[in-house]
């Protein structure tokens, strides 16, 4: 089943309710997302991105994952 950008945004929003979140992509498998959240302050990029991937609840797990690609940008607010 194809995933919609609003579905991914909703999953991320559950984990980061106060974040500024932008998700783009309309083919159901390839997306780009930007997540800006205060909880990222002091964390390195890998830690930030792992937190977002965890919020996706397996949507990207292996060849059976519903999301094939996610170009992810994460940062703390300026």
PDB file of N, CA and C in Angstrom:
ATOM      1  N   UNK A   1       0.835  -1.188   0.000  1.00  0.00           N
ATOM      2  CA  UNK A   1       0.000   0.000   0.000  1.00  0.00           C
ATOM      3  C   UNK A   1       0.875   1.245   0.000  1.00  0.00           C
ATOM      4  N   UNK A   2       0.588   2.169  -0.877  1.00  0.00           N
ATOM      5  CA  UNK A   2       1.379   3.384  -0.994  1.00  0.00           C
ATOM      6  C   UNK A   2       1.174   4.288   0.222  1.00  0.00           C
ATOM      7  N   UNK A   3       2.244   4.918   0.622  1.00  0.00           N
ATOM      8  CA  UNK A   3       2.220   5.853   1.737  1.00  0.00           C
ATOM      9  C   UNK A   3       2.085   7.263   1.164  1.00  0.00           C
ATOM     10  N   UNK A   4       1.334   8.102   1.822  1.00  0.00           N
ATOM     11  CA  UNK A   4       1.186   9.488   1.409  1.00  0.00           C
ATOM     12  C   UNK A   4       2.048  10.380   2.306  1.00  0.00           C
ATOM     13  N   UNK A   5       2.436  11.527   1.792  1.00  0.00           N
ATOM     14  CA  UNK A   5       3.286  12.427   2.564  1.00  0.00           C
ATOM     15  C   UNK A   5       2.630  12.825   3.887  1.00  0.00           C
ATOM     16  N   UNK A   6       1.320  12.997   3.886  1.00  0.00           N
ATOM     17  CA  UNK A   6       0.643  13.363   5.138  1.00  0.00           C
ATOM     18  C   UNK A   6       0.678  12.223   6.157  1.00  0.00           C
ATOM     19  N   UNK A   7       0.764  10.975   5.689  1.00  0.00           N
ATOM     20  CA  UNK A   7       0.890   9.834   6.605  1.00  0.00           C
ATOM     21  C   UNK A   7       2.234   9.884   7.326  1.00  0.00           C
ATOM     22  N   UNK A   8       3.294  10.159   6.556  1.00  0.00           N
ATOM     23  CA  UNK A   8       4.620  10.257   7.170  1.00  0.00           C
ATOM     24  C   UNK A   8       4.671  11.435   8.133  1.00  0.00           C
ATOM     25  N   UNK A   9       4.106  12.553   7.727  1.00  0.00           N
ATOM     26  CA  UNK A   9       4.096  13.724   8.603  1.00  0.00           C
ATOM     27  C   UNK A   9       3.372  13.409   9.910  1.00  0.00           C
ATOM     28  N   UNK A  10       2.276  12.699   9.846  1.00  0.00           N
ATOM     29  CA  UNK A  10       1.519  12.351  11.057  1.00  0.00           C
ATOM     30  C   UNK A  10       2.341  11.463  11.991  1.00  0.00           C
ATOM     31  N   UNK A  11       3.074  10.502  11.435  1.00  0.00           N
ATOM     32  CA  UNK A  11       3.923   9.633  12.263  1.00  0.00           C
ATOM     33  C   UNK A  11       5.028  10.440  12.937  1.00  0.00           C
ATOM     34  N   UNK A  12       5.657  11.324  12.182  1.00  0.00           N
ATOM     35  CA  UNK A  12       6.722  12.158  12.745  1.00  0.00           C
ATOM     36  C   UNK A  12       6.148  13.099  13.800  1.00  0.00           C
ATOM     37  N   UNK A  13       4.977  13.651  13.536  1.00  0.00           N
ATOM     38  CA  UNK A  13       4.330  14.592  14.471  1.00  0.00           C
ATOM     39  C   UNK A  13       4.016  13.920  15.813  1.00  0.00           C
ATOM     40  N   UNK A  14       3.707  12.623  15.801  1.00  0.00           N
ATOM     41  CA  UNK A  14       3.461  11.907  17.063  1.00  0.00           C
ATOM     42  C   UNK A  14       4.682  11.956  17.965  1.00  0.00           C
ATOM     43  N   UNK A  15       5.867  11.810  17.376  1.00  0.00           N
ATOM     44  CA  UNK A  15       7.106  11.789  18.154  1.00  0.00           C
ATOM     45  C   UNK A  15       7.637  13.193  18.435  1.00  0.00           C
ATOM     46  N   UNK A  16       7.326  14.124  17.553  1.00  0.00           N
ATOM     47  CA  UNK A  16       7.835  15.491  17.661  1.00  0.00           C
ATOM     48  C   UNK A  16       6.673  16.482  17.519  1.00  0.00           C
ATOM     49  N   UNK A  17       5.818  16.572  18.535  1.00  0.00           N
ATOM     50  CA  UNK A  17       4.586  17.368  18.401  1.00  0.00           C
ATOM     51  C   UNK A  17       4.808  18.862  18.173  1.00  0.00           C
ATOM     52  N   UNK A  18       5.940  19.397  18.609  1.00  0.00           N
ATOM     53  CA  UNK A  18       6.190  20.829  18.466  1.00  0.00           C
ATOM     54  C   UNK A  18       7.119  21.163  17.306  1.00  0.00           C
ATOM     55  N   UNK A  19       7.480  20.180  16.518  1.00  0.00           N
ATOM     56  CA  UNK A  19       8.443  20.375  15.434  1.00  0.00           C
ATOM     57  C   UNK A  19       7.828  21.096  14.247  1.00  0.00           C
ATOM     58  N   UNK A  20       8.700  21.743  13.490  1.00  0.00           N
ATOM     59  CA  UNK A  20       8.320  22.231  12.167  1.00  0.00           C
ATOM     60  C   UNK A  20       8.650  21.099  11.208  1.00  0.00           C
ATOM     61  N   UNK A  21       7.657  20.562  10.540  1.00  0.00           N
ATOM     62  CA  UNK A  21       7.828  19.373   9.698  1.00  0.00           C
ATOM     63  C   UNK A  21       7.334  19.672   8.290  1.00  0.00           C
ATOM     64  N   UNK A  22       8.173  19.354   7.327  1.00  0.00           N
ATOM     65  CA  UNK A  22       7.796  19.464   5.920  1.00  0.00           C
ATOM     66  C   UNK A  22       8.101  18.128   5.265  1.00  0.00           C
ATOM     67  N   UNK A  23       7.104  17.528   4.631  1.00  0.00           N
ATOM     68  CA  UNK A  23       7.305  16.261   3.912  1.00  0.00           C
ATOM     69  C   UNK A  23       6.814  16.459   2.485  1.00  0.00           C
ATOM     70  N   UNK A  24       7.657  16.082   1.537  1.00  0.00           N
ATOM     71  CA  UNK A  24       7.300  16.175   0.124  1.00  0.00           C
ATOM     72  C   UNK A  24       7.463  14.816  -0.519  1.00  0.00           C
ATOM     73  N   UNK A  25       6.685  14.574  -1.552  1.00  0.00           N
ATOM     74  CA  UNK A  25       6.751  13.325  -2.289  1.00  0.00           C
ATOM     75  C   UNK A  25       5.354  12.883  -2.637  1.00  0.00           C
ATOM     76  N   UNK A  26       5.158  12.473  -3.875  1.00  0.00           N
ATOM     77  CA  UNK A  26       3.804  12.108  -4.280  1.00  0.00           C
ATOM     78  C   UNK A  26       3.724  10.786  -5.028  1.00  0.00           C
ATOM     79  N   UNK A  27       4.817  10.008  -5.014  1.00  0.00           N
ATOM     80  CA  UNK A  27       4.762   8.720  -5.715  1.00  0.00           C
ATOM     81  C   UNK A  27       4.507   7.542  -4.777  1.00  0.00           C
ATOM     82  N   UNK A  28       4.379   7.814  -3.483  1.00  0.00           N
ATOM     83  CA  UNK A  28       4.066   6.770  -2.527  1.00  0.00           C
ATOM     84  C   UNK A  28       5.246   5.977  -2.013  1.00  0.00           C
ATOM     85  N   UNK A  29       6.463   6.279  -2.501  1.00  0.00           N
ATOM     86  CA  UNK A  29       7.625   5.514  -2.058  1.00  0.00           C
ATOM     87  C   UNK A  29       8.877   6.362  -1.846  1.00  0.00           C
ATOM     88  N   UNK A  30       8.959   7.525  -2.476  1.00  0.00           N
ATOM     89  CA  UNK A  30      10.138   8.384  -2.402  1.00  0.00           C
ATOM     90  C   UNK A  30       9.731   9.735  -1.823  1.00  0.00           C
ATOM     91  N   UNK A  31      10.427  10.126  -0.735  1.00  0.00           N
ATOM     92  CA  UNK A  31      10.042  11.335  -0.023  1.00  0.00           C
ATOM     93  C   UNK A  31      11.260  12.152   0.377  1.00  0.00           C
ATOM     94  N   UNK A  32      11.008  13.413   0.657  1.00  0.00           N
ATOM     95  CA  UNK A  32      11.995  14.298   1.268  1.00  0.00           C
ATOM     96  C   UNK A  32      11.310  14.924   2.475  1.00  0.00           C
ATOM     97  N   UNK A  33      12.028  15.006   3.578  1.00  0.00           N
ATOM     98  CA  UNK A  33      11.448  15.578   4.790  1.00  0.00           C
ATOM     99  C   UNK A  33      12.465  16.460   5.485  1.00  0.00           C
ATOM    100  N   UNK A  34      11.951  17.518   6.091  1.00  0.00           N
ATOM    101  CA  UNK A  34      12.750  18.374   6.954  1.00  0.00           C
ATOM    102  C   UNK A  34      12.047  18.428   8.295  1.00  0.00           C
ATOM    103  N   UNK A  35      12.807  18.167   9.357  1.00  0.00           N
ATOM    104  CA  UNK A  35      12.248  18.185  10.708  1.00  0.00           C
ATOM    105  C   UNK A  35      13.140  19.096  11.546  1.00  0.00           C
ATOM    106  N   UNK A  36      12.531  20.155  12.069  1.00  0.00           N
ATOM    107  CA  UNK A  36      13.247  21.110  12.910  1.00  0.00           C
ATOM    108  C   UNK A  36      12.610  21.043  14.295  1.00  0.00           C
ATOM    109  N   UNK A  37      13.406  20.613  15.270  1.00  0.00           N
ATOM    110  CA  UNK A  37      12.848  20.423  16.609  1.00  0.00           C
ATOM    111  C   UNK A  37      13.892  20.740  17.675  1.00  0.00           C
ATOM    112  N   UNK A  38      13.451  21.343  18.752  1.00  0.00           N
ATOM    113  CA  UNK A  38      14.343  21.708  19.846  1.00  0.00           C
ATOM    114  C   UNK A  38      15.022  20.479  20.463  1.00  0.00           C
ATOM    115  N   UNK A  39      14.387  19.328  20.427  1.00  0.00           N
ATOM    116  CA  UNK A  39      14.975  18.123  21.023  1.00  0.00           C
ATOM    117  C   UNK A  39      16.259  17.693  20.317  1.00  0.00           C
ATOM    118  N   UNK A  40      16.523  18.231  19.143  1.00  0.00           N
ATOM    119  CA  UNK A  40      17.743  17.887  18.410  1.00  0.00           C
ATOM    120  C   UNK A  40      18.961  18.673  18.894  1.00  0.00           C
ATOM    121  N   UNK A  41      18.741  19.714  19.663  1.00  0.00           N
ATOM    122  CA  UNK A  41      19.854  20.547  20.116  1.00  0.00           C
ATOM    123  C   UNK A  41      20.840  19.695  20.930  1.00  0.00           C
ATOM    124  N   UNK A  42      22.111  19.779  20.569  1.00  0.00           N
ATOM    125  CA  UNK A  42      23.153  19.032  21.263  1.00  0.00           C
ATOM    126  C   UNK A  42      23.349  17.611  20.756  1.00  0.00           C
ATOM    127  N   UNK A  43      22.520  17.167  19.828  1.00  0.00           N
ATOM    128  CA  UNK A  43      22.657  15.828  19.256  1.00  0.00           C
ATOM    129  C   UNK A  43      23.315  15.936  17.887  1.00  0.00           C
ATOM    130  N   UNK A  44      24.085  14.916  17.549  1.00  0.00           N
ATOM    131  CA  UNK A  44      24.680  14.926  16.221  1.00  0.00           C
ATOM    132  C   UNK A  44      23.648  14.487  15.181  1.00  0.00           C
ATOM    133  N   UNK A  45      24.008  14.640  13.925  1.00  0.00           N
ATOM    134  CA  UNK A  45      23.067  14.366  12.836  1.00  0.00           C
ATOM    135  C   UNK A  45      22.562  12.921  12.857  1.00  0.00           C
ATOM    136  N   UNK A  46      23.438  11.981  13.154  1.00  0.00           N
ATOM    137  CA  UNK A  46      23.031  10.572  13.192  1.00  0.00           C
ATOM    138  C   UNK A  46      21.990  10.350  14.282  1.00  0.00           C
ATOM    139  N   UNK A  47      22.203  10.916  15.453  1.00  0.00           N
ATOM    140  CA  UNK A  47      21.239  10.776  16.546  1.00  0.00           C
ATOM    141  C   UNK A  47      19.892  11.393  16.172  1.00  0.00           C
ATOM    142  N   UNK A  48      19.940  12.550  15.535  1.00  0.00           N
ATOM    143  CA  UNK A  48      18.703  13.212  15.121  1.00  0.00           C
ATOM    144  C   UNK A  48      17.938  12.352  14.125  1.00  0.00           C
ATOM    145  N   UNK A  49      18.639  11.861  13.124  1.00  0.00           N
ATOM    146  CA  UNK A  49      17.967  11.095  12.076  1.00  0.00           C
ATOM    147  C   UNK A  49      17.476   9.751  12.585  1.00  0.00           C
ATOM    148  N   UNK A  50      18.205   9.124  13.480  1.00  0.00           N
ATOM    149  CA  UNK A  50      17.726   7.868  14.076  1.00  0.00           C
ATOM    150  C   UNK A  50      16.414   8.084  14.819  1.00  0.00           C
ATOM    151  N   UNK A  51      16.288   9.219  15.496  1.00  0.00           N
ATOM    152  CA  UNK A  51      15.053   9.515  16.218  1.00  0.00           C
ATOM    153  C   UNK A  51      13.875   9.641  15.249  1.00  0.00           C
ATOM    154  N   UNK A  52      14.103  10.264  14.095  1.00  0.00           N
ATOM    155  CA  UNK A  52      13.034  10.405  13.106  1.00  0.00           C
ATOM    156  C   UNK A  52      12.700   9.040  12.500  1.00  0.00           C
ATOM    157  N   UNK A  53      13.711   8.264  12.147  1.00  0.00           N
ATOM    158  CA  UNK A  53      13.450   6.930  11.578  1.00  0.00           C
ATOM    159  C   UNK A  53      12.667   6.061  12.562  1.00  0.00           C
ATOM    160  N   UNK A  54      12.978   6.177  13.856  1.00  0.00           N
ATOM    161  CA  UNK A  54      12.234   5.411  14.863  1.00  0.00           C
ATOM    162  C   UNK A  54      10.761   5.821  14.865  1.00  0.00           C
ATOM    163  N   UNK A  55      10.496   7.093  14.629  1.00  0.00           N
ATOM    164  CA  UNK A  55       9.116   7.585  14.597  1.00  0.00           C
ATOM    165  C   UNK A  55       8.327   7.006  13.420  1.00  0.00           C
ATOM    166  N   UNK A  56       9.018   6.557  12.391  1.00  0.00           N
ATOM    167  CA  UNK A  56       8.341   6.016  11.207  1.00  0.00           C
ATOM    168  C   UNK A  56       7.818   4.602  11.416  1.00  0.00           C
ATOM    169  N   UNK A  57       8.117   4.018  12.563  1.00  0.00           N
ATOM    170  CA  UNK A  57       7.533   2.737  12.980  1.00  0.00           C
ATOM    171  C   UNK A  57       7.634   1.642  11.917  1.00  0.00           C
ATOM    172  N   UNK A  58       8.842   1.462  11.374  1.00  0.00           N
ATOM    173  CA  UNK A  58       9.068   0.353  10.456  1.00  0.00           C
ATOM    174  C   UNK A  58       8.698   0.601   9.013  1.00  0.00           C
ATOM    175  N   UNK A  59       8.242   1.784   8.679  1.00  0.00           N
ATOM    176  CA  UNK A  59       7.842   2.062   7.288  1.00  0.00           C
ATOM    177  C   UNK A  59       9.017   1.959   6.319  1.00  0.00           C
ATOM    178  N   UNK A  60      10.260   2.032   6.826  1.00  0.00           N
ATOM    179  CA  UNK A  60      11.440   1.962   5.961  1.00  0.00           C
ATOM    180  C   UNK A  60      12.251   0.684   6.170  1.00  0.00           C
ATOM    181  N   UNK A  61      11.732  -0.260   6.901  1.00  0.00           N
ATOM    182  CA  UNK A  61      12.499  -1.448   7.264  1.00  0.00           C
ATOM    183  C   UNK A  61      12.668  -2.428   6.113  1.00  0.00           C
ATOM    184  N   UNK A  62      13.885  -2.516   5.611  1.00  0.00           N
ATOM    185  CA  UNK A  62      14.245  -3.526   4.623  1.00  0.00           C
ATOM    186  C   UNK A  62      13.450  -3.469   3.334  1.00  0.00           C
ATOM    187  N   UNK A  63      13.560  -4.516   2.547  1.00  0.00           N
ATOM    188  CA  UNK A  63      12.898  -4.547   1.244  1.00  0.00           C
ATOM    189  C   UNK A  63      11.377  -4.568   1.339  1.00  0.00           C
ATOM    190  N   UNK A  64      10.835  -4.913   2.483  1.00  0.00           N
ATOM    191  CA  UNK A  64       9.379  -4.940   2.646  1.00  0.00           C
ATOM    192  C   UNK A  64       8.821  -3.611   3.150  1.00  0.00           C
ATOM    193  N   UNK A  65       9.702  -2.643   3.412  1.00  0.00           N
ATOM    194  CA  UNK A  65       9.245  -1.347   3.905  1.00  0.00           C
ATOM    195  C   UNK A  65       8.427  -0.616   2.855  1.00  0.00           C
ATOM    196  N   UNK A  66       7.436   0.120   3.305  1.00  0.00           N
ATOM    197  CA  UNK A  66       6.550   0.841   2.392  1.00  0.00           C
ATOM    198  C   UNK A  66       7.228   2.059   1.784  1.00  0.00           C
ATOM    199  N   UNK A  67       8.185   2.645   2.491  1.00  0.00           N
ATOM    200  CA  UNK A  67       8.906   3.815   1.997  1.00  0.00           C
ATOM    201  C   UNK A  67      10.248   3.353   1.463  1.00  0.00           C
ATOM    202  N   UNK A  68      10.492   3.603   0.186  1.00  0.00           N
ATOM    203  CA  UNK A  68      11.736   3.164  -0.439  1.00  0.00           C
ATOM    204  C   UNK A  68      12.887   4.119  -0.139  1.00  0.00           C
ATOM    205  N   UNK A  69      12.633   5.427  -0.163  1.00  0.00           N
ATOM    206  CA  UNK A  69      13.697   6.399   0.047  1.00  0.00           C
ATOM    207  C   UNK A  69      13.159   7.627   0.772  1.00  0.00           C
ATOM    208  N   UNK A  70      13.998   8.156   1.663  1.00  0.00           N
ATOM    209  CA  UNK A  70      13.656   9.369   2.385  1.00  0.00           C
ATOM    210  C   UNK A  70      14.899  10.235   2.484  1.00  0.00           C
ATOM    211  N   UNK A  71      14.889  11.354   1.795  1.00  0.00           N
ATOM    212  CA  UNK A  71      15.956  12.347   1.937  1.00  0.00           C
ATOM    213  C   UNK A  71      15.589  13.172   3.163  1.00  0.00           C
ATOM    214  N   UNK A  72      16.373  13.041   4.228  1.00  0.00           N
ATOM    215  CA  UNK A  72      15.994  13.595   5.522  1.00  0.00           C
ATOM    216  C   UNK A  72      16.965  14.685   5.953  1.00  0.00           C
ATOM    217  N   UNK A  73      16.403  15.827   6.324  1.00  0.00           N
ATOM    218  CA  UNK A  73      17.169  16.926   6.900  1.00  0.00           C
ATOM    219  C   UNK A  73      16.619  17.174   8.289  1.00  0.00           C
ATOM    220  N   UNK A  74      17.511  17.184   9.289  1.00  0.00           N
ATOM    221  CA  UNK A  74      17.094  17.436  10.664  1.00  0.00           C
ATOM    222  C   UNK A  74      17.983  18.522  11.260  1.00  0.00           C
ATOM    223  N   UNK A  75      17.405  19.323  12.139  1.00  0.00           N
ATOM    224  CA  UNK A  75      18.208  20.334  12.850  1.00  0.00           C
ATOM    225  C   UNK A  75      17.397  20.929  13.982  1.00  0.00           C
ATOM    226  N   UNK A  76      18.112  21.577  14.886  1.00  0.00           N
ATOM    227  CA  UNK A  76      17.465  22.328  15.953  1.00  0.00           C
ATOM    228  C   UNK A  76      17.123  23.715  15.410  1.00  0.00           C
ATOM    229  N   UNK A  77      16.125  24.370  15.984  1.00  0.00           N
ATOM    230  CA  UNK A  77      15.787  25.724  15.538  1.00  0.00           C
ATOM    231  C   UNK A  77      16.950  26.681  15.758  1.00  0.00           C
ATOM    232  N   UNK A  78      17.027  27.691  14.904  1.00  0.00           N
ATOM    233  CA  UNK A  78      18.114  28.681  15.054  1.00  0.00           C
ATOM    234  C   UNK A  78      17.755  29.728  16.057  1.00  0.00           C
TER     235      UNK A  78
END
